[in-house]
Amino acid sequence: MHISSVWLWCGAVVLGALVISQFFQQPGRALLWMLRGLLLGCVLIGAVDAIGSHFGFHLPINPVTVLAAGFLGLPGLAAIAVLHLWVLA
């Protein structure tokens, strides 16, 4: 296994543990937190897609990008945009 994929899995496990622990502590609040993150992710990616379409830039709207943008906020959105430019450039 490549070292970068190990760090990716470690991050996914930590994030999953955080979500699960929050859900068992306060299920209603955790559900609202997740829904807020999903909605925020959709809005952020939609805004970048709308503005970027004038410059020929498109971010795909899929569960991974929405979750990353929603739960990580602007840094997550910036990371998605950089990765998109890096992979497709």
C-alpha atoms as a PDB file:
ATOM      1  CA  MET A   1       0.000   0.000   0.000  1.00  0.00           C
ATOM      2  CA  HIS A   2       1.342   3.419  -0.916  1.00  0.00           C
ATOM      3  CA  ILE A   3       2.091   5.813   1.956  1.00  0.00           C
ATOM      4  CA  SER A   4      -0.361   8.473   0.738  1.00  0.00           C
ATOM      5  CA  SER A   5      -3.223   5.982   0.703  1.00  0.00           C
ATOM      6  CA  VAL A   6      -2.364   5.005   4.297  1.00  0.00           C
ATOM      7  CA  TRP A   7      -2.738   8.638   5.377  1.00  0.00           C
ATOM      8  CA  LEU A   8      -5.972   8.907   3.429  1.00  0.00           C
ATOM      9  CA  TRP A   9      -7.403   5.869   5.198  1.00  0.00           C
ATOM     10  CA  CYS A  10      -6.234   7.174   8.592  1.00  0.00           C
ATOM     11  CA  GLY A  11      -8.029  10.460   7.933  1.00  0.00           C
ATOM     12  CA  ALA A  12     -11.174   8.646   6.827  1.00  0.00           C
ATOM     13  CA  VAL A  13     -11.150   6.497   9.973  1.00  0.00           C
ATOM     14  CA  VAL A  14     -10.681   9.519  12.239  1.00  0.00           C
ATOM     15  CA  LEU A  15     -13.461  11.431  10.475  1.00  0.00           C
ATOM     16  CA  GLY A  16     -15.742   8.390  10.640  1.00  0.00           C
ATOM     17  CA  ALA A  17     -15.032   7.944  14.354  1.00  0.00           C
ATOM     18  CA  LEU A  18     -15.863  11.607  14.943  1.00  0.00           C
ATOM     19  CA  VAL A  19     -19.168  11.343  13.113  1.00  0.00           C
ATOM     20  CA  ILE A  20     -20.125   8.093  14.857  1.00  0.00           C
ATOM     21  CA  SER A  21     -19.212   9.402  18.320  1.00  0.00           C
ATOM     22  CA  GLN A  22     -21.205  12.585  17.744  1.00  0.00           C
ATOM     23  CA  PHE A  23     -24.155  10.557  16.524  1.00  0.00           C
ATOM     24  CA  PHE A  24     -24.248   8.380  19.641  1.00  0.00           C
ATOM     25  CA  GLN A  25     -23.813  11.322  22.012  1.00  0.00           C
ATOM     26  CA  GLN A  26     -26.469  13.564  20.526  1.00  0.00           C
ATOM     27  CA  PRO A  27     -28.262  11.911  17.592  1.00  0.00           C
ATOM     28  CA  GLY A  28     -30.512  14.848  16.682  1.00  0.00           C
ATOM     29  CA  ARG A  29     -27.719  17.384  16.773  1.00  0.00           C
ATOM     30  CA  ALA A  30     -25.386  15.103  14.801  1.00  0.00           C
ATOM     31  CA  LEU A  31     -28.013  14.579  12.116  1.00  0.00           C
ATOM     32  CA  LEU A  32     -28.535  18.326  11.783  1.00  0.00           C
ATOM     33  CA  TRP A  33     -24.747  18.823  11.652  1.00  0.00           C
ATOM     34  CA  MET A  34     -24.462  16.304   8.796  1.00  0.00           C
ATOM     35  CA  LEU A  35     -27.397  17.789   6.890  1.00  0.00           C
ATOM     36  CA  ARG A  36     -25.945  21.285   7.309  1.00  0.00           C
ATOM     37  CA  GLY A  37     -22.633  20.032   5.957  1.00  0.00           C
ATOM     38  CA  LEU A  38     -24.268  18.427   2.937  1.00  0.00           C
ATOM     39  CA  LEU A  39     -26.291  21.543   2.175  1.00  0.00           C
ATOM     40  CA  LEU A  40     -23.256  23.784   2.597  1.00  0.00           C
ATOM     41  CA  GLY A  41     -21.238  21.519   0.320  1.00  0.00           C
ATOM     42  CA  CYS A  42     -23.875  21.661  -2.397  1.00  0.00           C
ATOM     43  CA  VAL A  43     -24.095  25.441  -2.175  1.00  0.00           C
ATOM     44  CA  LEU A  44     -20.307  25.941  -2.197  1.00  0.00           C
ATOM     45  CA  ILE A  45     -19.717  23.607  -5.135  1.00  0.00           C
ATOM     46  CA  GLY A  46     -22.663  25.118  -6.999  1.00  0.00           C
ATOM     47  CA  ALA A  47     -21.267  28.626  -6.484  1.00  0.00           C
ATOM     48  CA  VAL A  48     -17.787  27.639  -7.663  1.00  0.00           C
ATOM     49  CA  ASP A  49     -19.291  25.795 -10.619  1.00  0.00           C
ATOM     50  CA  ALA A  50     -21.440  28.800 -11.582  1.00  0.00           C
ATOM     51  CA  ILE A  51     -18.542  31.250 -11.347  1.00  0.00           C
ATOM     52  CA  GLY A  52     -16.034  28.837 -12.861  1.00  0.00           C
ATOM     53  CA  SER A  53     -18.219  28.126 -15.880  1.00  0.00           C
ATOM     54  CA  HIS A  54     -17.339  31.595 -17.180  1.00  0.00           C
ATOM     55  CA  PHE A  55     -13.665  30.571 -17.141  1.00  0.00           C
ATOM     56  CA  GLY A  56     -14.064  26.998 -18.380  1.00  0.00           C
ATOM     57  CA  PHE A  57     -13.696  25.448 -14.900  1.00  0.00           C
ATOM     58  CA  HIS A  58     -16.096  22.745 -13.731  1.00  0.00           C
ATOM     59  CA  LEU A  59     -16.231  20.852 -10.439  1.00  0.00           C
ATOM     60  CA  PRO A  60     -18.189  17.612 -10.502  1.00  0.00           C
ATOM     61  CA  ILE A  61     -21.042  17.376  -8.025  1.00  0.00           C
ATOM     62  CA  ASN A  62     -20.865  13.908  -6.474  1.00  0.00           C
ATOM     63  CA  PRO A  63     -21.078  12.559  -2.914  1.00  0.00           C
ATOM     64  CA  VAL A  64     -17.320  12.769  -2.299  1.00  0.00           C
ATOM     65  CA  THR A  65     -16.964  16.389  -3.382  1.00  0.00           C
ATOM     66  CA  VAL A  66     -20.116  17.482  -1.575  1.00  0.00           C
ATOM     67  CA  LEU A  67     -19.059  15.789   1.665  1.00  0.00           C
ATOM     68  CA  ALA A  68     -15.544  17.216   1.491  1.00  0.00           C
ATOM     69  CA  ALA A  69     -16.774  20.738   0.787  1.00  0.00           C
ATOM     70  CA  GLY A  70     -19.532  20.515   3.379  1.00  0.00           C
ATOM     71  CA  PHE A  71     -17.583  19.087   6.292  1.00  0.00           C
ATOM     72  CA  LEU A  72     -14.287  20.865   5.617  1.00  0.00           C
ATOM     73  CA  GLY A  73     -15.739  24.179   4.444  1.00  0.00           C
ATOM     74  CA  LEU A  74     -13.679  26.542   2.325  1.00  0.00           C
ATOM     75  CA  PRO A  75     -10.381  24.687   2.876  1.00  0.00           C
ATOM     76  CA  GLY A  76     -12.037  21.496   1.630  1.00  0.00           C
ATOM     77  CA  LEU A  77     -13.435  23.295  -1.383  1.00  0.00           C
ATOM     78  CA  ALA A  78     -10.019  24.776  -2.136  1.00  0.00           C
ATOM     79  CA  ALA A  79      -8.452  21.318  -1.842  1.00  0.00           C
ATOM     80  CA  ILE A  80     -11.006  19.886  -4.262  1.00  0.00           C
ATOM     81  CA  ALA A  81     -10.352  22.690  -6.750  1.00  0.00           C
ATOM     82  CA  VAL A  82      -6.566  22.263  -6.509  1.00  0.00           C
ATOM     83  CA  LEU A  83      -6.810  18.486  -6.890  1.00  0.00           C
ATOM     84  CA  HIS A  84      -9.130  18.927  -9.852  1.00  0.00           C
ATOM     85  CA  LEU A  85      -6.693  21.316 -11.529  1.00  0.00           C
ATOM     86  CA  TRP A  86      -3.713  19.131 -10.652  1.00  0.00           C
ATOM     87  CA  VAL A  87      -5.215  15.893 -11.952  1.00  0.00           C
ATOM     88  CA  LEU A  88      -6.750  17.327 -15.108  1.00  0.00           C
ATOM     89  CA  ALA A  89      -4.009  19.834 -15.978  1.00  0.00           C
END
